Amino acid sequence: MDAEKARDRLFQDIATFVEGNSLNLLPECDGIRIYDAPLLGVASAGDGLFEQFLAPEVIGPHHRLPGQWLTGARSVLSYFLPFSLPVRASNRGTGAPSEEWLYGRIGGEALNNAVRARLVEMVTELGGRAVAPALDPRYQVVDRKSNWSERHAGYAAGLGSFGLGRSFITARGSAGRMGSVITDLELPPTSRQVGPYGYCPQLTGGTCGECIPRCPVRAIEAEGKALGKCQSYLDFVRKKFAPRYGCGKCQTAVPCEAAIPSGGLGEGGSG
């Protein structure tokens, strides 16, 4: 099987896997669907962006390169799982995160991990090797910083760009979850359409900022996001709704909730 056909098969099989998976339903919330169809992309493991991510102002030297996860790595498969309309709509109000969002956030991560594992299986079936960093014992989060960024892998794979509130904006919006798998299969990369901030009108032209008042603790300002405030609020939510947690207010009731916002087509800066 040639590289392009292998990539297309992986994309189609994962879409089918998500569509028919019982983990994609929330029995606690009238059986609503958690995710719509996934958006997938591929980056070359040798893309110079991964080296750039090691800069302190981007991620930092703790971030592992694809080849450090898998010897002989050639490709990084990245995907975005967009939350369904019922999950998104439930969280458009103010105040505490909705029940559907909290259940979807945690239940949805169970499906996300299943997608990661299934991608590894499918790569093996195609004769390759693969590692899902988030499922690997070497994966670490120290001081709230992980050694593999799903969002940055998504940017390298051309899935979208970063937003003011540190969300990742794709053609299907920012309300969702991301995952990735590194493989030694050489798959055709998908192209990057914009720079790192290209889909965010606020960062490219100062013409949006609708996520700013959405934050319950005002962690988002026109200059960026105060991560400490955000994390403190998530810690509060975790204690109140344990074992579920989340917020997502900056990803709902905003122009980038489920699409690229109008005006968000600039090239953005580098980094």
Protein backbone atom coordinates (compact mmCIF):
# COMPACT_ATOMS: atom_id res chain seq x y z
CA MET A 1 0.00 0.00 0.00
CA ASP A 2 1.44 3.38 -0.98
CA ALA A 3 1.87 6.17 1.56
CA GLU A 4 -1.11 8.26 0.50
CA LYS A 5 -3.47 5.29 0.55
CA ALA A 6 -2.15 4.27 3.97
CA ARG A 7 -2.79 7.75 5.32
CA ASP A 8 -6.30 7.85 3.86
CA ARG A 9 -7.07 4.42 5.29
CA LEU A 10 -5.96 5.52 8.75
CA PHE A 11 -8.10 8.65 8.51
CA GLN A 12 -11.18 6.73 7.40
CA ASP A 13 -10.78 3.94 9.93
CA ILE A 14 -10.48 6.40 12.81
CA ALA A 15 -13.58 8.29 11.65
CA THR A 16 -15.48 4.98 11.59
CA PHE A 17 -14.05 4.01 14.99
CA VAL A 18 -15.29 7.26 16.58
CA GLU A 19 -18.68 7.13 14.85
CA GLY A 20 -19.59 3.67 16.08
CA ASN A 21 -17.97 3.65 19.51
CA SER A 22 -20.15 3.24 22.59
CA LEU A 23 -17.66 5.42 24.49
CA ASN A 24 -18.87 8.32 22.31
CA LEU A 25 -22.20 8.41 24.15
CA LEU A 26 -23.06 9.86 27.56
CA PRO A 27 -25.60 7.63 29.33
CA GLU A 28 -25.63 10.09 32.25
CA CYS A 29 -26.88 12.83 29.90
CA ASP A 30 -29.67 11.13 27.93
CA GLY A 31 -27.21 9.28 25.73
CA ILE A 32 -26.04 12.34 23.82
CA ARG A 33 -23.05 12.07 21.51
CA ILE A 34 -19.79 13.48 22.86
CA TYR A 35 -17.84 14.08 19.64
CA ASP A 36 -18.60 14.73 16.01
CA ALA A 37 -16.38 13.34 13.22
CA PRO A 38 -12.65 13.87 13.85
CA LEU A 39 -10.35 16.16 11.92
CA LEU A 40 -6.97 14.55 11.14
CA GLY A 41 -3.59 15.65 9.84
CA VAL A 42 0.01 14.49 9.47
CA ALA A 43 3.32 16.21 10.14
CA SER A 44 6.74 14.97 9.16
CA ALA A 45 8.63 13.88 12.26
CA GLY A 46 11.62 15.72 10.83
CA ASP A 47 9.75 19.01 10.47
CA GLY A 48 11.93 21.81 11.87
CA LEU A 49 8.98 23.07 13.90
CA PHE A 50 9.53 20.34 16.47
CA GLU A 51 13.00 21.71 17.15
CA GLN A 52 11.53 25.22 17.45
CA PHE A 53 9.10 23.96 20.10
CA LEU A 54 12.11 23.42 22.41
CA ALA A 55 12.61 27.18 22.75
CA PRO A 56 11.68 28.45 26.25
CA GLU A 57 9.23 30.98 24.81
CA VAL A 58 7.36 28.25 22.90
CA ILE A 59 7.21 25.05 25.03
CA GLY A 60 10.69 24.52 26.45
CA PRO A 61 13.58 22.05 26.47
CA HIS A 62 11.54 19.52 28.47
CA HIS A 63 9.48 18.80 25.34
CA ARG A 64 10.53 15.54 23.67
CA LEU A 65 11.13 15.35 19.93
CA PRO A 66 9.28 12.69 17.88
CA GLY A 67 12.48 10.67 17.50
CA GLN A 68 12.91 10.61 21.29
CA TRP A 69 9.56 8.87 21.61
CA LEU A 70 10.14 6.44 18.74
CA THR A 71 13.47 5.57 17.14
CA GLY A 72 13.13 5.95 13.39
CA ALA A 73 10.06 8.20 13.67
CA ARG A 74 8.95 9.56 10.30
CA SER A 75 5.43 10.91 10.83
CA VAL A 76 3.21 12.41 13.52
CA LEU A 77 -0.52 11.70 13.17
CA SER A 78 -2.59 14.36 14.91
CA TYR A 79 -6.35 14.66 15.30
CA PHE A 80 -9.02 16.94 16.75
CA LEU A 81 -12.24 15.56 18.24
CA PRO A 82 -14.87 18.35 18.12
CA PHE A 83 -17.50 18.31 20.83
CA SER A 84 -21.04 17.77 19.55
CA LEU A 85 -23.63 20.55 19.48
CA PRO A 86 -25.49 19.29 22.59
CA VAL A 87 -22.27 19.32 24.63
CA ARG A 88 -21.22 22.74 23.32
CA ALA A 89 -24.66 24.34 23.65
CA SER A 90 -25.02 23.14 27.24
CA ASN A 91 -21.94 25.15 28.24
CA ARG A 92 -22.81 28.47 26.61
CA GLY A 93 -24.25 29.98 29.78
CA THR A 94 -22.28 31.74 32.51
CA GLY A 95 -21.31 30.34 35.88
CA ALA A 96 -20.24 26.78 36.52
CA PRO A 97 -19.46 24.40 33.64
CA SER A 98 -22.45 22.38 32.50
CA GLU A 99 -23.03 18.78 33.49
CA GLU A 100 -22.78 17.70 29.84
CA TRP A 101 -19.43 19.45 29.49
CA LEU A 102 -18.02 17.91 32.66
CA TYR A 103 -19.18 14.40 31.75
CA GLY A 104 -18.07 14.89 28.14
CA ARG A 105 -14.69 16.24 29.18
CA ILE A 106 -13.84 13.18 31.29
CA GLY A 107 -15.85 10.53 29.45
CA GLY A 108 -14.59 11.97 26.19
CA GLU A 109 -10.99 11.52 27.27
CA ALA A 110 -11.67 7.80 27.69
CA LEU A 111 -12.64 7.71 24.01
CA ASN A 112 -9.65 9.88 23.14
CA ASN A 113 -7.35 7.32 24.74
CA ALA A 114 -9.15 4.55 22.85
CA VAL A 115 -8.52 6.46 19.60
CA ARG A 116 -4.83 6.76 20.46
CA ALA A 117 -4.62 3.02 21.15
CA ARG A 118 -6.55 2.14 18.00
CA LEU A 119 -4.24 4.27 15.85
CA VAL A 120 -1.25 2.41 17.26
CA GLU A 121 -2.98 -0.89 16.40
CA MET A 122 -3.79 0.25 12.86
CA VAL A 123 -0.22 1.35 12.22
CA THR A 124 0.95 -2.08 13.39
CA GLU A 125 -1.53 -3.72 11.01
CA LEU A 126 0.04 -1.68 8.20
CA GLY A 127 3.48 -3.02 9.10
CA GLY A 128 4.73 -0.02 11.06
CA ARG A 129 5.53 0.90 14.65
CA ALA A 130 3.84 3.63 16.65
CA VAL A 131 3.79 5.33 20.04
CA ALA A 132 1.04 7.46 21.54
CA PRO A 133 2.98 9.82 23.84
CA ALA A 134 0.01 10.43 26.17
CA LEU A 135 -0.26 6.66 26.81
CA ASP A 136 3.47 6.07 27.14
CA PRO A 137 5.04 5.57 30.61
CA ARG A 138 7.62 8.23 29.69
CA TYR A 139 4.88 10.86 29.46
CA GLN A 140 5.22 13.35 32.31
CA VAL A 141 3.49 16.46 33.57
CA VAL A 142 5.69 18.50 35.89
CA ASP A 143 4.51 21.86 37.26
CA ARG A 144 1.53 21.56 34.89
CA LYS A 145 3.86 21.28 31.89
CA SER A 146 3.88 18.10 29.82
CA ASN A 147 6.74 16.73 27.75
CA TRP A 148 4.49 16.37 24.68
CA SER A 149 2.01 18.99 23.46
CA GLU A 150 -1.02 17.73 21.55
CA ARG A 151 -1.83 21.28 20.44
CA HIS A 152 1.61 21.91 19.00
CA ALA A 153 1.57 18.55 17.22
CA GLY A 154 -1.76 19.64 15.74
CA TYR A 155 -0.24 22.89 14.54
CA ALA A 156 2.66 21.06 12.92
CA ALA A 157 0.14 18.80 11.18
CA GLY A 158 -1.77 21.77 9.75
CA LEU A 159 -4.92 21.32 11.83
CA GLY A 160 -5.17 24.97 12.89
CA SER A 161 -3.64 27.69 15.03
CA PHE A 162 -3.52 28.97 18.58
CA GLY A 163 -6.02 31.41 20.07
CA LEU A 164 -5.91 34.13 22.69
CA GLY A 165 -7.22 31.85 25.44
CA ARG A 166 -4.60 29.16 24.62
CA SER A 167 -7.26 27.12 22.83
CA PHE A 168 -6.41 25.47 19.52
CA ILE A 169 -8.65 26.72 16.69
CA THR A 170 -9.36 24.29 13.84
CA ALA A 171 -11.71 24.28 10.87
CA ARG A 172 -14.18 22.63 13.28
CA GLY A 173 -13.59 25.22 15.99
CA SER A 174 -11.82 25.08 19.33
CA ALA A 175 -14.31 23.18 21.52
CA GLY A 176 -12.90 19.67 21.58
CA ARG A 177 -9.99 17.45 22.49
CA MET A 178 -6.77 16.52 20.70
CA GLY A 179 -4.52 13.50 20.41
CA SER A 180 -1.56 12.22 18.42
CA VAL A 181 0.52 9.18 17.54
CA ILE A 182 4.12 9.02 16.31
CA THR A 183 4.96 6.37 13.71
CA ASP A 184 7.83 5.14 11.60
CA LEU A 185 5.51 4.98 8.57
CA GLU A 186 6.33 7.73 6.12
CA LEU A 187 2.95 9.36 5.46
CA PRO A 188 2.34 12.43 3.26
CA PRO A 189 2.16 15.54 5.48
CA THR A 190 -0.91 17.76 5.39
CA SER A 191 -0.19 21.41 4.63
CA ARG A 192 -0.26 24.29 7.12
CA GLN A 193 -2.58 27.04 5.89
CA VAL A 194 -1.78 29.73 8.47
CA GLY A 195 0.82 30.86 10.95
CA PRO A 196 0.65 29.94 14.65
CA TYR A 197 -2.02 32.57 15.44
CA GLY A 198 -3.64 32.86 12.03
CA TYR A 199 -7.17 31.77 12.95
CA CYS A 200 -7.51 34.12 15.95
CA PRO A 201 -8.84 37.58 14.92
CA GLN A 202 -7.80 39.05 18.27
CA LEU A 203 -4.17 38.00 17.92
CA THR A 204 -3.92 38.93 14.25
CA GLY A 205 -5.87 42.19 14.27
CA GLY A 206 -7.39 42.93 17.66
CA THR A 207 -10.88 42.46 16.27
CA CYS A 208 -12.49 39.89 18.58
CA GLY A 209 -11.69 39.19 22.21
CA GLU A 210 -15.05 37.56 22.89
CA CYS A 211 -13.36 34.89 25.00
CA ILE A 212 -12.19 37.55 27.48
CA PRO A 213 -15.50 38.08 29.34
CA ARG A 214 -16.33 34.38 29.08
CA CYS A 215 -13.64 33.40 31.59
CA PRO A 216 -15.18 32.96 35.07
CA VAL A 217 -12.04 34.23 36.80
CA ARG A 218 -10.96 36.80 34.17
CA ALA A 219 -7.78 34.90 33.38
CA ILE A 220 -7.90 36.07 29.75
CA GLU A 221 -6.93 39.61 28.78
CA ALA A 222 -6.21 41.26 25.44
CA GLU A 223 -2.49 40.57 25.98
CA GLY A 224 -2.93 36.87 26.70
CA LYS A 225 -3.92 34.37 29.40
CA ALA A 226 -2.86 34.13 33.05
CA LEU A 227 -2.40 30.39 33.30
CA GLY A 228 -2.17 30.44 37.10
CA LYS A 229 -5.66 31.90 37.44
CA CYS A 230 -7.05 29.38 34.98
CA GLN A 231 -5.45 26.42 36.74
CA SER A 232 -6.61 27.62 40.16
CA TYR A 233 -10.18 27.70 38.89
CA LEU A 234 -9.84 24.22 37.38
CA ASP A 235 -8.54 22.98 40.75
CA PHE A 236 -11.64 24.47 42.40
CA VAL A 237 -13.92 22.78 39.85
CA ARG A 238 -12.10 19.47 40.33
CA LYS A 239 -12.73 19.58 44.09
CA LYS A 240 -16.37 20.54 43.65
CA PHE A 241 -17.27 18.04 40.92
CA ALA A 242 -14.70 15.28 41.50
CA PRO A 243 -13.85 13.07 39.73
CA ARG A 244 -14.98 15.34 36.87
CA TYR A 245 -13.51 18.70 36.08
CA GLY A 246 -13.16 21.22 33.29
CA CYS A 247 -14.47 24.61 32.26
CA GLY A 248 -14.53 25.33 28.52
CA LYS A 249 -16.27 28.68 28.85
CA CYS A 250 -13.66 30.34 26.60
CA GLN A 251 -14.38 27.69 23.95
CA THR A 252 -18.16 28.07 23.91
CA ALA A 253 -20.44 30.99 22.97
CA VAL A 254 -17.51 32.48 21.03
CA PRO A 255 -16.95 32.80 17.24
CA CYS A 256 -14.34 30.02 17.27
CA GLU A 257 -16.56 27.53 19.09
CA ALA A 258 -17.21 25.34 16.04
CA ALA A 259 -15.59 27.11 13.07
CA ILE A 260 -12.82 29.44 12.00
CA PRO A 261 -14.03 32.87 13.12
CA SER A 262 -14.62 35.61 10.60
CA GLY A 263 -11.46 37.63 10.18
CA GLY A 264 -9.32 34.77 11.44
CA LEU A 265 -7.42 34.06 8.26
CA GLY A 266 -4.23 36.05 8.76
CA GLU A 267 -0.79 34.54 8.84
CA GLY A 268 -0.01 35.48 12.41
CA GLY A 269 3.49 35.59 13.85
CA SER A 270 6.18 32.98 13.94
CA GLY A 271 7.07 30.65 16.74
